[in-house]
C-alpha atoms as a PDB file:
ATOM      1  CA  MET A   1      44.086 -67.464  11.233  1.00  0.00           C
ATOM      2  CA  THR A   2      42.178 -64.740   9.386  1.00  0.00           C
ATOM      3  CA  GLU A   3      43.236 -61.131   9.046  1.00  0.00           C
ATOM      4  CA  THR A   4      40.425 -60.219  11.437  1.00  0.00           C
ATOM      5  CA  THR A   5      41.629 -62.466  14.243  1.00  0.00           C
ATOM      6  CA  ARG A   6      45.352 -62.034  13.573  1.00  0.00           C
ATOM      7  CA  GLY A   7      45.037 -58.422  14.552  1.00  0.00           C
ATOM      8  CA  LEU A   8      43.892 -59.380  18.025  1.00  0.00           C
ATOM      9  CA  HIS A   9      47.318 -60.883  18.734  1.00  0.00           C
ATOM     10  CA  GLN A  10      49.220 -57.811  17.616  1.00  0.00           C
ATOM     11  CA  PRO A  11      50.308 -55.008  19.957  1.00  0.00           C
ATOM     12  CA  PRO A  12      47.997 -52.012  19.961  1.00  0.00           C
ATOM     13  CA  PRO A  13      48.749 -49.232  17.486  1.00  0.00           C
ATOM     14  CA  PRO A  14      50.774 -46.243  18.670  1.00  0.00           C
ATOM     15  CA  GLN A  15      48.994 -43.407  20.401  1.00  0.00           C
ATOM     16  CA  ALA A  16      47.359 -41.153  17.846  1.00  0.00           C
ATOM     17  CA  ARG A  17      45.947 -37.663  18.086  1.00  0.00           C
ATOM     18  CA  ARG A  18      42.547 -37.646  19.737  1.00  0.00           C
ATOM     19  CA  ARG A  19      39.549 -37.106  17.503  1.00  0.00           C
ATOM     20  CA  SER A  20      38.179 -33.603  17.325  1.00  0.00           C
ATOM     21  CA  GLY A  21      35.609 -31.584  15.478  1.00  0.00           C
ATOM     22  CA  ARG A  22      32.043 -32.463  14.613  1.00  0.00           C
ATOM     23  CA  PRO A  23      31.100 -36.146  14.388  1.00  0.00           C
ATOM     24  CA  LYS A  24      30.613 -37.544  10.905  1.00  0.00           C
ATOM     25  CA  PRO A  25      27.526 -39.572   9.974  1.00  0.00           C
ATOM     26  CA  ILE A  26      28.037 -43.324  10.162  1.00  0.00           C
ATOM     27  CA  PRO A  27      27.386 -44.786   6.704  1.00  0.00           C
ATOM     28  CA  PHE A  28      24.863 -47.580   6.308  1.00  0.00           C
ATOM     29  CA  THR A  29      26.248 -50.764   4.798  1.00  0.00           C
ATOM     30  CA  TYR A  30      23.227 -53.055   4.510  1.00  0.00           C
ATOM     31  CA  ILE A  31      20.336 -50.646   4.041  1.00  0.00           C
ATOM     32  CA  PRO A  32      19.476 -48.840   0.775  1.00  0.00           C
ATOM     33  CA  PRO A  33      19.130 -45.058   1.084  1.00  0.00           C
ATOM     34  CA  GLU A  34      15.371 -45.039   0.565  1.00  0.00           C
ATOM     35  CA  ASP A  35      14.874 -47.253   3.632  1.00  0.00           C
ATOM     36  CA  GLN A  36      17.129 -45.365   5.997  1.00  0.00           C
ATOM     37  CA  LYS A  37      15.609 -43.506   8.913  1.00  0.00           C
ATOM     38  CA  GLU A  38      17.817 -41.054  10.781  1.00  0.00           C
ATOM     39  CA  TYR A  39      17.203 -39.131  13.967  1.00  0.00           C
ATOM     40  CA  TYR A  40      16.214 -35.902  12.216  1.00  0.00           C
ATOM     41  CA  GLU A  41      13.206 -37.720  10.776  1.00  0.00           C
ATOM     42  CA  LEU A  42      12.160 -38.780  14.242  1.00  0.00           C
ATOM     43  CA  SER A  43      12.447 -35.337  15.797  1.00  0.00           C
ATOM     44  CA  LEU A  44      11.141 -33.169  12.948  1.00  0.00           C
ATOM     45  CA  ASN A  45       8.637 -35.370  11.145  1.00  0.00           C
ATOM     46  CA  GLY A  46       7.140 -37.377  13.956  1.00  0.00           C
ATOM     47  CA  ALA A  47       7.576 -35.861  17.396  1.00  0.00           C
ATOM     48  CA  PRO A  48       4.760 -33.711  18.807  1.00  0.00           C
ATOM     49  CA  THR A  49       5.016 -29.965  18.266  1.00  0.00           C
ATOM     50  CA  GLU A  50       5.837 -27.720  21.227  1.00  0.00           C
ATOM     51  CA  ALA A  51       2.170 -26.774  21.560  1.00  0.00           C
ATOM     52  CA  GLU A  52       1.064 -30.412  21.464  1.00  0.00           C
ATOM     53  CA  ALA A  53       3.623 -31.356  24.074  1.00  0.00           C
ATOM     54  CA  MET A  54       2.560 -28.508  26.379  1.00  0.00           C
ATOM     55  CA  LEU A  55      -1.165 -29.130  26.020  1.00  0.00           C
ATOM     56  CA  GLY A  56      -1.198 -32.899  25.880  1.00  0.00           C
ATOM     57  CA  GLY A  57       1.918 -33.965  27.756  1.00  0.00           C
ATOM     58  CA  LEU A  58       0.216 -34.458  31.105  1.00  0.00           C
ATOM     59  CA  THR A  59      -3.162 -35.729  29.953  1.00  0.00           C
ATOM     60  CA  GLY A  60      -2.218 -37.760  26.879  1.00  0.00           C
ATOM     61  CA  TYR A  61      -4.620 -35.726  24.745  1.00  0.00           C
ATOM     62  CA  TYR A  62      -4.213 -33.007  22.136  1.00  0.00           C
ATOM     63  CA  ASP A  63      -6.241 -29.826  22.441  1.00  0.00           C
ATOM     64  CA  THR A  64      -8.434 -31.282  19.682  1.00  0.00           C
ATOM     65  CA  GLY A  65      -9.336 -34.222  21.929  1.00  0.00           C
ATOM     66  CA  GLY A  66      -7.315 -36.784  19.938  1.00  0.00           C
ATOM     67  CA  TYR A  67      -5.381 -39.392  21.863  1.00  0.00           C
ATOM     68  CA  ILE A  68      -1.705 -38.604  21.397  1.00  0.00           C
ATOM     69  CA  PHE A  69      -0.570 -42.221  21.716  1.00  0.00           C
ATOM     70  CA  GLY A  70      -2.812 -43.332  18.876  1.00  0.00           C
ATOM     71  CA  ARG A  71      -0.990 -41.137  16.418  1.00  0.00           C
ATOM     72  CA  TYR A  72       1.097 -43.967  14.923  1.00  0.00           C
ATOM     73  CA  PRO A  73      -0.999 -47.147  14.934  1.00  0.00           C
ATOM     74  CA  SER A  74       0.845 -50.465  14.829  1.00  0.00           C
ATOM     75  CA  SER A  75       0.029 -53.323  12.491  1.00  0.00           C
ATOM     76  CA  LEU A  76      -0.862 -55.088  15.723  1.00  0.00           C
ATOM     77  CA  THR A  77      -4.246 -54.212  17.142  1.00  0.00           C
ATOM     78  CA  HIS A  78      -5.650 -54.239  20.642  1.00  0.00           C
ATOM     79  CA  PRO A  79      -8.820 -52.736  22.110  1.00  0.00           C
ATOM     80  CA  ASN A  80      -6.859 -51.056  24.895  1.00  0.00           C
ATOM     81  CA  TRP A  81      -3.056 -50.815  24.821  1.00  0.00           C
ATOM     82  CA  ARG A  82      -3.289 -48.961  28.128  1.00  0.00           C
ATOM     83  CA  ARG A  83      -3.876 -52.294  29.835  1.00  0.00           C
ATOM     84  CA  PHE A  84      -0.148 -52.989  29.533  1.00  0.00           C
ATOM     85  CA  ARG A  85       1.561 -53.040  32.922  1.00  0.00           C
ATOM     86  CA  ASP A  86       5.281 -52.942  33.573  1.00  0.00           C
ATOM     87  CA  PRO A  87       6.073 -56.189  35.433  1.00  0.00           C
ATOM     88  CA  ASP A  88       8.691 -54.362  37.526  1.00  0.00           C
ATOM     89  CA  ARG A  89       6.168 -51.643  38.409  1.00  0.00           C
ATOM     90  CA  TYR A  90       8.638 -48.874  37.693  1.00  0.00           C
ATOM     91  CA  VAL A  91       7.495 -45.312  37.251  1.00  0.00           C
ATOM     92  CA  PHE A  92       9.510 -42.598  35.568  1.00  0.00           C
ATOM     93  CA  ARG A  93      11.061 -41.339  38.787  1.00  0.00           C
ATOM     94  CA  THR A  94      11.938 -44.724  40.271  1.00  0.00           C
ATOM     95  CA  TYR A  95      13.480 -45.988  37.037  1.00  0.00           C
ATOM     96  CA  ASN A  96      15.583 -42.855  36.672  1.00  0.00           C
ATOM     97  CA  ALA A  97      16.774 -43.348  40.231  1.00  0.00           C
ATOM     98  CA  TYR A  98      17.650 -46.939  39.335  1.00  0.00           C
ATOM     99  CA  LEU A  99      19.623 -45.843  36.258  1.00  0.00           C
ATOM    100  CA  ALA A 100      21.415 -43.149  38.251  1.00  0.00           C
ATOM    101  CA  GLU A 101      22.392 -45.722  40.860  1.00  0.00           C
ATOM    102  CA  GLN A 102      23.689 -48.094  38.188  1.00  0.00           C
ATOM    103  CA  ALA A 103      25.716 -45.315  36.581  1.00  0.00           C
ATOM    104  CA  ALA A 104      27.175 -44.244  39.926  1.00  0.00           C
ATOM    105  CA  ILE A 105      28.202 -47.795  40.817  1.00  0.00           C
ATOM    106  CA  VAL A 106      29.907 -48.320  37.460  1.00  0.00           C
ATOM    107  CA  THR A 107      31.627 -44.937  37.516  1.00  0.00           C
ATOM    108  CA  HIS A 108      32.822 -45.210  41.103  1.00  0.00           C
ATOM    109  CA  GLY A 109      33.965 -48.803  40.703  1.00  0.00           C
ATOM    110  CA  THR A 110      35.866 -48.151  37.506  1.00  0.00           C
ATOM    111  CA  GLU A 111      37.513 -44.982  38.752  1.00  0.00           C
ATOM    112  CA  THR A 112      38.599 -46.770  41.925  1.00  0.00           C
ATOM    113  CA  LEU A 113      40.138 -49.629  39.957  1.00  0.00           C
ATOM    114  CA  LEU A 114      41.915 -47.233  37.624  1.00  0.00           C
ATOM    115  CA  SER A 115      43.252 -45.067  40.433  1.00  0.00           C
ATOM    116  CA  THR A 116      44.683 -48.052  42.312  1.00  0.00           C
ATOM    117  CA  GLY A 117      46.787 -49.148  39.347  1.00  0.00           C
ATOM    118  CA  TYR A 118      45.134 -52.515  38.738  1.00  0.00           C
ATOM    119  CA  LEU A 119      45.825 -52.135  35.018  1.00  0.00           C
ATOM    120  CA  ASP A 120      49.440 -53.034  35.711  1.00  0.00           C
ATOM    121  CA  CYS A 121      48.185 -56.639  35.876  1.00  0.00           C
ATOM    122  CA  LEU A 122      46.132 -56.446  32.703  1.00  0.00           C
ATOM    123  CA  ASP A 123      47.182 -59.000  30.097  1.00  0.00           C
ATOM    124  CA  PRO A 124      48.483 -57.119  27.009  1.00  0.00           C
ATOM    125  CA  GLY A 125      46.767 -59.723  24.847  1.00  0.00           C
ATOM    126  CA  TRP A 126      43.442 -58.338  26.036  1.00  0.00           C
ATOM    127  CA  HIS A 127      44.105 -54.789  24.838  1.00  0.00           C
ATOM    128  CA  ARG A 128      42.920 -55.371  21.280  1.00  0.00           C
ATOM    129  CA  ALA A 129      39.673 -56.991  22.422  1.00  0.00           C
ATOM    130  CA  LEU A 130      38.942 -53.870  24.448  1.00  0.00           C
ATOM    131  CA  GLN A 131      39.059 -51.880  21.220  1.00  0.00           C
ATOM    132  CA  TYR A 132      36.122 -53.950  19.977  1.00  0.00           C
ATOM    133  CA  LEU A 133      34.280 -53.149  23.197  1.00  0.00           C
ATOM    134  CA  ALA A 134      34.891 -49.449  22.552  1.00  0.00           C
ATOM    135  CA  ALA A 135      33.559 -49.874  19.009  1.00  0.00           C
ATOM    136  CA  PHE A 136      30.377 -51.459  20.365  1.00  0.00           C
ATOM    137  CA  ARG A 137      29.194 -48.025  21.478  1.00  0.00           C
ATOM    138  CA  TYR A 138      28.054 -47.455  17.896  1.00  0.00           C
ATOM    139  CA  HIS A 139      25.683 -50.384  18.295  1.00  0.00           C
ATOM    140  CA  GLU A 140      24.281 -48.843  21.470  1.00  0.00           C
ATOM    141  CA  ALA A 141      23.835 -45.476  19.769  1.00  0.00           C
ATOM    142  CA  GLY A 142      21.893 -47.159  16.968  1.00  0.00           C
ATOM    143  CA  ALA A 143      19.658 -49.026  19.416  1.00  0.00           C
ATOM    144  CA  LEU A 144      19.053 -45.724  21.214  1.00  0.00           C
ATOM    145  CA  LYS A 145      17.613 -44.296  17.986  1.00  0.00           C
ATOM    146  CA  LEU A 146      15.225 -47.221  17.720  1.00  0.00           C
ATOM    147  CA  TRP A 147      13.920 -46.636  21.245  1.00  0.00           C
ATOM    148  CA  GLN A 148      13.545 -42.919  20.558  1.00  0.00           C
ATOM    149  CA  PHE A 149      11.111 -43.938  17.830  1.00  0.00           C
ATOM    150  CA  VAL A 150       9.311 -46.486  20.018  1.00  0.00           C
ATOM    151  CA  GLN A 151       8.823 -44.144  22.963  1.00  0.00           C
ATOM    152  CA  TYR A 152       6.933 -41.480  21.050  1.00  0.00           C
ATOM    153  CA  ALA A 153       5.080 -43.741  18.600  1.00  0.00           C
ATOM    154  CA  ALA A 154       3.896 -46.331  21.138  1.00  0.00           C
ATOM    155  CA  GLY A 155       0.181 -46.988  21.499  1.00  0.00           C
ATOM    156  CA  SER A 156      -0.224 -46.017  25.162  1.00  0.00           C
ATOM    157  CA  GLU A 157       1.465 -44.207  28.032  1.00  0.00           C
ATOM    158  CA  PRO A 158       2.627 -47.345  29.914  1.00  0.00           C
ATOM    159  CA  ILE A 159       4.340 -48.720  26.806  1.00  0.00           C
ATOM    160  CA  SER A 160       5.836 -45.338  25.989  1.00  0.00           C
ATOM    161  CA  TYR A 161       7.233 -45.021  29.512  1.00  0.00           C
ATOM    162  CA  CYS A 162       9.109 -48.284  29.065  1.00  0.00           C
ATOM    163  CA  GLY A 163      10.442 -46.959  25.755  1.00  0.00           C
ATOM    164  CA  VAL A 164      11.664 -43.804  27.469  1.00  0.00           C
ATOM    165  CA  GLU A 165      13.438 -45.954  30.032  1.00  0.00           C
ATOM    166  CA  GLU A 166      15.134 -47.935  27.283  1.00  0.00           C
ATOM    167  CA  CYS A 167      16.334 -44.679  25.758  1.00  0.00           C
ATOM    168  CA  GLY A 168      17.897 -43.903  29.122  1.00  0.00           C
ATOM    169  CA  SER A 169      19.561 -47.295  29.451  1.00  0.00           C
ATOM    170  CA  ARG A 170      21.029 -47.136  25.932  1.00  0.00           C
ATOM    171  CA  LEU A 171      22.199 -43.572  26.507  1.00  0.00           C
ATOM    172  CA  ILE A 172      23.990 -44.722  29.646  1.00  0.00           C
ATOM    173  CA  SER A 173      25.646 -47.659  27.884  1.00  0.00           C
ATOM    174  CA  THR A 174      26.792 -45.447  24.988  1.00  0.00           C
ATOM    175  CA  HIS A 175      28.162 -42.800  27.323  1.00  0.00           C
ATOM    176  CA  THR A 176      29.770 -45.379  29.623  1.00  0.00           C
ATOM    177  CA  LEU A 177      31.653 -47.067  26.780  1.00  0.00           C
ATOM    178  CA  ASN A 178      32.793 -43.727  25.426  1.00  0.00           C
ATOM    179  CA  ARG A 179      34.039 -42.579  28.815  1.00  0.00           C
ATOM    180  CA  TYR A 180      35.604 -45.958  29.575  1.00  0.00           C
ATOM    181  CA  ALA A 181      37.587 -45.738  26.345  1.00  0.00           C
ATOM    182  CA  LEU A 182      38.922 -42.343  27.413  1.00  0.00           C
ATOM    183  CA  ASP A 183      39.845 -43.770  30.827  1.00  0.00           C
ATOM    184  CA  LEU A 184      41.682 -46.705  29.266  1.00  0.00           C
ATOM    185  CA  ALA A 185      43.515 -44.416  26.854  1.00  0.00           C
ATOM    186  CA  GLY A 186      44.777 -42.420  29.835  1.00  0.00           C
ATOM    187  CA  ALA A 187      45.758 -45.456  31.882  1.00  0.00           C
ATOM    188  CA  ILE A 188      47.242 -47.910  29.362  1.00  0.00           C
ATOM    189  CA  PRO A 189      50.363 -46.677  27.546  1.00  0.00           C
ATOM    190  CA  GLY A 190      49.830 -46.800  23.793  1.00  0.00           C
ATOM    191  CA  TRP A 191      46.160 -47.819  23.951  1.00  0.00           C
ATOM    192  CA  ASN A 192      43.521 -45.733  22.177  1.00  0.00           C
ATOM    193  CA  ASP A 193      40.141 -46.134  20.530  1.00  0.00           C
ATOM    194  CA  ASP A 194      40.865 -44.047  17.457  1.00  0.00           C
ATOM    195  CA  ASN A 195      40.034 -47.058  15.285  1.00  0.00           C
ATOM    196  CA  ALA A 196      36.647 -47.673  16.929  1.00  0.00           C
ATOM    197  CA  LEU A 197      34.614 -46.566  13.914  1.00  0.00           C
ATOM    198  CA  GLU A 198      36.869 -48.553  11.604  1.00  0.00           C
ATOM    199  CA  LEU A 199      36.282 -51.708  13.652  1.00  0.00           C
ATOM    200  CA  TRP A 200      32.530 -51.063  13.676  1.00  0.00           C
ATOM    201  CA  LEU A 201      32.464 -50.749   9.883  1.00  0.00           C
ATOM    202  CA  GLU A 202      34.861 -53.651   9.301  1.00  0.00           C
ATOM    203  CA  ASP A 203      33.327 -55.910   6.643  1.00  0.00           C
ATOM    204  CA  GLY A 204      33.512 -59.494   7.816  1.00  0.00           C
ATOM    205  CA  GLY A 205      34.697 -58.442  11.258  1.00  0.00           C
ATOM    206  CA  PRO A 206      33.295 -59.760  14.562  1.00  0.00           C
ATOM    207  CA  LEU A 207      30.837 -56.860  14.854  1.00  0.00           C
ATOM    208  CA  ALA A 208      29.589 -56.944  11.256  1.00  0.00           C
ATOM    209  CA  GLY A 209      26.523 -59.012  12.128  1.00  0.00           C
ATOM    210  CA  ALA A 210      25.613 -56.725  15.018  1.00  0.00           C
ATOM    211  CA  ARG A 211      26.006 -53.746  12.686  1.00  0.00           C
ATOM    212  CA  GLU A 212      23.676 -55.313  10.128  1.00  0.00           C
ATOM    213  CA  TYR A 213      21.102 -56.028  12.818  1.00  0.00           C
ATOM    214  CA  VAL A 214      21.076 -52.528  14.259  1.00  0.00           C
ATOM    215  CA  GLU A 215      20.967 -50.971  10.790  1.00  0.00           C
ATOM    216  CA  HIS A 216      17.788 -52.905  10.093  1.00  0.00           C
ATOM    217  CA  GLU A 217      16.414 -51.743  13.440  1.00  0.00           C
ATOM    218  CA  LEU A 218      16.819 -48.188  12.190  1.00  0.00           C
ATOM    219  CA  THR A 219      14.435 -48.907   9.309  1.00  0.00           C
ATOM    220  CA  VAL A 220      11.612 -50.220  11.505  1.00  0.00           C
ATOM    221  CA  ARG A 221       8.397 -48.284  10.876  1.00  0.00           C
ATOM    222  CA  ASP A 222       6.190 -50.076  13.408  1.00  0.00           C
ATOM    223  CA  TRP A 223       6.780 -49.380  17.096  1.00  0.00           C
ATOM    224  CA  ALA A 224       5.596 -52.858  18.137  1.00  0.00           C
ATOM    225  CA  GLU A 225       8.046 -54.489  15.743  1.00  0.00           C
ATOM    226  CA  GLY A 226      10.804 -52.357  17.283  1.00  0.00           C
ATOM    227  CA  ILE A 227      10.047 -53.731  20.745  1.00  0.00           C
ATOM    228  CA  ILE A 228      10.137 -57.313  19.501  1.00  0.00           C
ATOM    229  CA  ALA A 229      13.273 -56.860  17.402  1.00  0.00           C
ATOM    230  CA  ASP A 230      15.440 -55.400  20.152  1.00  0.00           C
ATOM    231  CA  ALA A 231      13.982 -56.766  23.377  1.00  0.00           C
ATOM    232  CA  VAL A 232      12.655 -60.213  22.446  1.00  0.00           C
ATOM    233  CA  VAL A 233      15.039 -61.349  19.689  1.00  0.00           C
ATOM    234  CA  ALA A 234      18.324 -59.455  19.887  1.00  0.00           C
ATOM    235  CA  ALA A 235      18.798 -59.474  23.658  1.00  0.00           C
ATOM    236  CA  PRO A 236      19.091 -63.234  24.263  1.00  0.00           C
ATOM    237  CA  LEU A 237      20.368 -64.253  20.828  1.00  0.00           C
ATOM    238  CA  TYR A 238      23.465 -62.098  20.335  1.00  0.00           C
ATOM    239  CA  TYR A 239      23.502 -59.083  22.685  1.00  0.00           C
ATOM    240  CA  GLU A 240      23.872 -60.851  26.012  1.00  0.00           C
ATOM    241  CA  PRO A 241      26.338 -63.433  24.597  1.00  0.00           C
ATOM    242  CA  LEU A 242      28.623 -60.608  23.483  1.00  0.00           C
ATOM    243  CA  LEU A 243      28.453 -58.984  26.913  1.00  0.00           C
ATOM    244  CA  ARG A 244      29.208 -62.373  28.472  1.00  0.00           C
ATOM    245  CA  PHE A 245      32.309 -62.696  26.264  1.00  0.00           C
ATOM    246  CA  PHE A 246      33.733 -59.430  27.573  1.00  0.00           C
ATOM    247  CA  ALA A 247      32.785 -60.120  31.194  1.00  0.00           C
ATOM    248  CA  ILE A 248      34.218 -63.627  31.519  1.00  0.00           C
ATOM    249  CA  ASN A 249      37.262 -63.178  29.292  1.00  0.00           C
ATOM    250  CA  GLY A 250      37.979 -59.855  30.966  1.00  0.00           C
ATOM    251  CA  ALA A 251      38.194 -61.534  34.354  1.00  0.00           C
ATOM    252  CA  ALA A 252      40.506 -64.203  32.921  1.00  0.00           C
ATOM    253  CA  HIS A 253      42.850 -61.508  31.603  1.00  0.00           C
ATOM    254  CA  GLY A 254      43.164 -59.562  34.840  1.00  0.00           C
ATOM    255  CA  ASP A 255      40.503 -57.023  33.865  1.00  0.00           C
ATOM    256  CA  ALA A 256      38.214 -56.174  36.768  1.00  0.00           C
ATOM    257  CA  SER A 257      36.454 -53.090  35.431  1.00  0.00           C
ATOM    258  CA  THR A 258      35.113 -54.440  32.127  1.00  0.00           C
ATOM    259  CA  PRO A 259      33.058 -57.205  33.816  1.00  0.00           C
ATOM    260  CA  THR A 260      31.623 -54.597  36.192  1.00  0.00           C
ATOM    261  CA  ILE A 261      30.520 -52.408  33.295  1.00  0.00           C
ATOM    262  CA  VAL A 262      29.064 -55.051  30.995  1.00  0.00           C
ATOM    263  CA  SER A 263      27.308 -56.829  33.857  1.00  0.00           C
ATOM    264  CA  SER A 264      25.284 -53.674  34.412  1.00  0.00           C
ATOM    265  CA  PHE A 265      24.390 -53.718  30.700  1.00  0.00           C
ATOM    266  CA  THR A 266      23.282 -57.350  31.076  1.00  0.00           C
ATOM    267  CA  ALA A 267      20.956 -56.386  33.926  1.00  0.00           C
ATOM    268  CA  LEU A 268      19.394 -53.702  31.729  1.00  0.00           C
ATOM    269  CA  ALA A 269      18.957 -56.205  28.881  1.00  0.00           C
ATOM    270  CA  GLU A 270      17.228 -58.676  31.186  1.00  0.00           C
ATOM    271  CA  ARG A 271      14.877 -55.928  32.297  1.00  0.00           C
ATOM    272  CA  ARG A 272      14.199 -55.085  28.636  1.00  0.00           C
ATOM    273  CA  THR A 273      13.211 -58.642  27.755  1.00  0.00           C
ATOM    274  CA  ARG A 274      11.131 -59.033  30.906  1.00  0.00           C
ATOM    275  CA  TRP A 275       8.719 -56.205  30.149  1.00  0.00           C
ATOM    276  CA  ALA A 276       8.701 -56.940  26.404  1.00  0.00           C
ATOM    277  CA  LYS A 277       7.449 -60.475  27.106  1.00  0.00           C
ATOM    278  CA  ASP A 278       4.486 -59.004  28.971  1.00  0.00           C
ATOM    279  CA  PHE A 279       3.840 -56.697  26.025  1.00  0.00           C
ATOM    280  CA  VAL A 280       3.770 -59.678  23.657  1.00  0.00           C
ATOM    281  CA  ARG A 281       1.375 -61.551  25.948  1.00  0.00           C
ATOM    282  CA  LEU A 282      -0.976 -58.577  25.829  1.00  0.00           C
ATOM    283  CA  ALA A 283      -0.760 -58.373  22.030  1.00  0.00           C
ATOM    284  CA  LEU A 284      -1.500 -62.107  21.714  1.00  0.00           C
ATOM    285  CA  GLU A 285      -4.889 -61.558  23.316  1.00  0.00           C
ATOM    286  CA  VAL A 286      -5.877 -60.634  19.759  1.00  0.00           C
ATOM    287  CA  GLU A 287      -5.362 -63.804  17.745  1.00  0.00           C
ATOM    288  CA  GLU A 288      -4.939 -61.886  14.472  1.00  0.00           C
ATOM    289  CA  ASN A 289      -1.693 -60.468  15.865  1.00  0.00           C
ATOM    290  CA  ARG A 290      -0.014 -63.873  16.115  1.00  0.00           C
ATOM    291  CA  PRO A 291       1.088 -64.307  12.464  1.00  0.00           C
ATOM    292  CA  LEU A 292       2.480 -60.766  12.388  1.00  0.00           C
ATOM    293  CA  ILE A 293       4.487 -61.316  15.565  1.00  0.00           C
ATOM    294  CA  GLU A 294       5.728 -64.710  14.410  1.00  0.00           C
ATOM    295  CA  GLY A 295       6.821 -63.159  11.117  1.00  0.00           C
ATOM    296  CA  TRP A 296       8.782 -60.410  12.868  1.00  0.00           C
ATOM    297  CA  VAL A 297      10.389 -62.964  15.170  1.00  0.00           C
ATOM    298  CA  ALA A 298      11.407 -65.235  12.288  1.00  0.00           C
ATOM    299  CA  GLU A 299      12.881 -62.356  10.293  1.00  0.00           C
ATOM    300  CA  GLY A 300      14.734 -60.921  13.274  1.00  0.00           C
ATOM    301  CA  SER A 301      16.086 -64.243  14.500  1.00  0.00           C
ATOM    302  CA  ALA A 302      17.678 -64.994  11.114  1.00  0.00           C
ATOM    303  CA  ARG A 303      19.655 -61.746  11.311  1.00  0.00           C
ATOM    304  CA  ALA A 304      20.427 -62.221  15.000  1.00  0.00           C
ATOM    305  CA  VAL A 305      21.915 -65.655  14.320  1.00  0.00           C
ATOM    306  CA  THR A 306      24.181 -64.029  11.746  1.00  0.00           C
ATOM    307  CA  ALA A 307      25.285 -61.550  14.417  1.00  0.00           C
ATOM    308  CA  LEU A 308      25.884 -64.385  16.883  1.00  0.00           C
ATOM    309  CA  GLU A 309      27.934 -66.458  14.432  1.00  0.00           C
ATOM    310  CA  ALA A 310      30.022 -63.453  13.411  1.00  0.00           C
ATOM    311  CA  LEU A 311      31.336 -63.198  16.987  1.00  0.00           C
ATOM    312  CA  ALA A 312      33.124 -66.557  16.768  1.00  0.00           C
ATOM    313  CA  PRO A 313      36.587 -65.218  15.793  1.00  0.00           C
ATOM    314  CA  LEU A 314      36.786 -63.195  19.015  1.00  0.00           C
ATOM    315  CA  TYR A 315      36.725 -66.267  21.230  1.00  0.00           C
ATOM    316  CA  GLY A 316      39.924 -67.936  20.042  1.00  0.00           C
ATOM    317  CA  ALA A 317      41.801 -64.733  19.296  1.00  0.00           C
ATOM    318  CA  VAL A 318      42.446 -63.700  22.901  1.00  0.00           C
ATOM    319  CA  THR A 319      45.549 -64.974  24.660  1.00  0.00           C
ATOM    320  CA  ARG A 320      43.670 -66.925  27.334  1.00  0.00           C
ATOM    321  CA  PRO A 321      40.453 -68.203  25.775  1.00  0.00           C
ATOM    322  CA  VAL A 322      38.102 -69.533  28.444  1.00  0.00           C
ATOM    323  CA  LEU A 323      34.882 -69.813  26.448  1.00  0.00           C
ATOM    324  CA  ASP A 324      34.104 -72.156  23.574  1.00  0.00           C
ATOM    325  CA  PRO A 325      32.271 -70.334  20.756  1.00  0.00           C
ATOM    326  CA  GLY A 326      30.206 -73.380  19.831  1.00  0.00           C
ATOM    327  CA  ALA A 327      29.038 -73.942  23.392  1.00  0.00           C
ATOM    328  CA  GLU A 328      28.301 -70.235  23.804  1.00  0.00           C
ATOM    329  CA  ALA A 329      26.232 -70.203  20.613  1.00  0.00           C
ATOM    330  CA  GLU A 330      24.213 -73.187  21.842  1.00  0.00           C
ATOM    331  CA  ARG A 331      23.713 -71.442  25.165  1.00  0.00           C
ATOM    332  CA  ALA A 332      22.368 -68.355  23.372  1.00  0.00           C
ATOM    333  CA  ARG A 333      20.041 -70.424  21.189  1.00  0.00           C
ATOM    334  CA  ALA A 334      18.683 -72.180  24.260  1.00  0.00           C
ATOM    335  CA  ALA A 335      18.069 -68.848  26.025  1.00  0.00           C
ATOM    336  CA  TYR A 336      16.315 -67.484  22.958  1.00  0.00           C
ATOM    337  CA  GLY A 337      14.278 -70.663  22.587  1.00  0.00           C
ATOM    338  CA  ALA A 338      13.116 -70.397  26.182  1.00  0.00           C
ATOM    339  CA  VAL A 339      11.828 -66.863  25.505  1.00  0.00           C
ATOM    340  CA  VAL A 340       9.924 -67.509  22.258  1.00  0.00           C
ATOM    341  CA  GLU A 341       8.669 -70.963  23.234  1.00  0.00           C
ATOM    342  CA  GLY A 342       7.430 -69.571  26.539  1.00  0.00           C
ATOM    343  CA  LEU A 343       5.460 -66.971  24.588  1.00  0.00           C
ATOM    344  CA  GLY A 344       4.287 -69.463  21.958  1.00  0.00           C
ATOM    345  CA  ILE A 345       5.665 -67.416  19.051  1.00  0.00           C
ATOM    346  CA  GLY A 346       8.546 -69.580  17.852  1.00  0.00           C
ATOM    347  CA  SER A 347      10.947 -72.316  18.770  1.00  0.00           C
ATOM    348  CA  ARG A 348      14.627 -72.973  19.253  1.00  0.00           C
ATOM    349  CA  SER A 349      14.607 -75.158  16.145  1.00  0.00           C
ATOM    350  CA  GLU A 350      14.273 -71.995  14.044  1.00  0.00           C
ATOM    351  CA  VAL A 351      17.795 -70.974  15.088  1.00  0.00           C
ATOM    352  CA  ALA A 352      19.319 -74.450  15.335  1.00  0.00           C
ATOM    353  CA  SER A 353      22.949 -74.713  14.298  1.00  0.00           C
END
C-alpha cells in the first residue's frame, strides 16, 4: 500500500481553523512560466473594451464594421463558422434556466439529506475520499478559465454561446463542491476540507494527472483546440470516470448526496461532448483541418490517459470497493473510442492499455 492510498484508510484529521483571507494563487507544476496563461490575461489583454461591448454586443460588429468574433482566428478554417448549430437548440435564456434548475435540485436535495441526519449512516471509511472530491473543485476552476477564453475568442456567436454556457456549468460545479464541503464540515464531526489544496497539488496523488491536464488546458492559445481538449477528449476519458467513481462508491458507503451532485455534473459533461461533436463535424467540412484536429486529439488523449491511470489508487483504498479500476479504465477507453471513431479523428487503439 502506498503512502497515497494508506491515507484513505486513516481517520480524518482533527477539525482545523477555517481558511480566511485572500486566496493565494495555485502554483503550476507542469507548465513553465512563459507558457502560463492566467485570468488577468484573458480579461485585460483579450476581452473587448467597454465601448466595443456596448457598440458591438448585440450586433456582433465593432463600430469600425469588423466582425467581433473574427478577432482571434483559429488554426482551423471554415468559410462560415456561424453555420454551427447547437444540437440541443438551447438559447442563452433557456440554458440559464436549465442550469438554475439543476442547481436548485442539487441544493434542495443535499440540504434535505443533511437536515434529516442521513450522515449518521455514512461509512467513516468514505470520509477521506470525500476530501478528494472537495479538492476536485480546483480542477473545475481551471476548466472554467479555459471556457472563459473559448467564449470570447470563438469564431462565431453560436459557438461563443456554447462557451458561455460551459462557463456557467463549470462555475456551478466549482461553487457546488465548495458549498458541499462546507456542509459536510458542519455535519460530520471532525471532517474538514482544509487540506483540499494540498491534495490537489499532491505529486503522485490520484488527482495529479487531472491537475497536469487542466494546467495544459490553461496554456491553450487556440479556441478550437480548447473545445476539443475539454469536451471531446477529457470528458469521456478521465472526467466522467472520476465522477462515476464518486457516484457509485458513494452509494455503496451510505452516501446519498454525493451521487446526486456528481450525476448532475455528468449530465453537463454529456451535454458538453454532444455539442462539441457537432462542432468537429462542421470543422471537418474543410479537409485541411483534419490533421490539425487529429494532432490535438492525439496530444490530449496521451495526457488524459495519464489522468485516468492516476485514479487507480482511489478504487482499492475505500473500505467497500465496488468498482474494478482495470474494468473502469477499459470502459472509459471504449467510451472515448466511440466518440473519436464516430467522428473519424482517432481510434480506441491510440489509448489502448
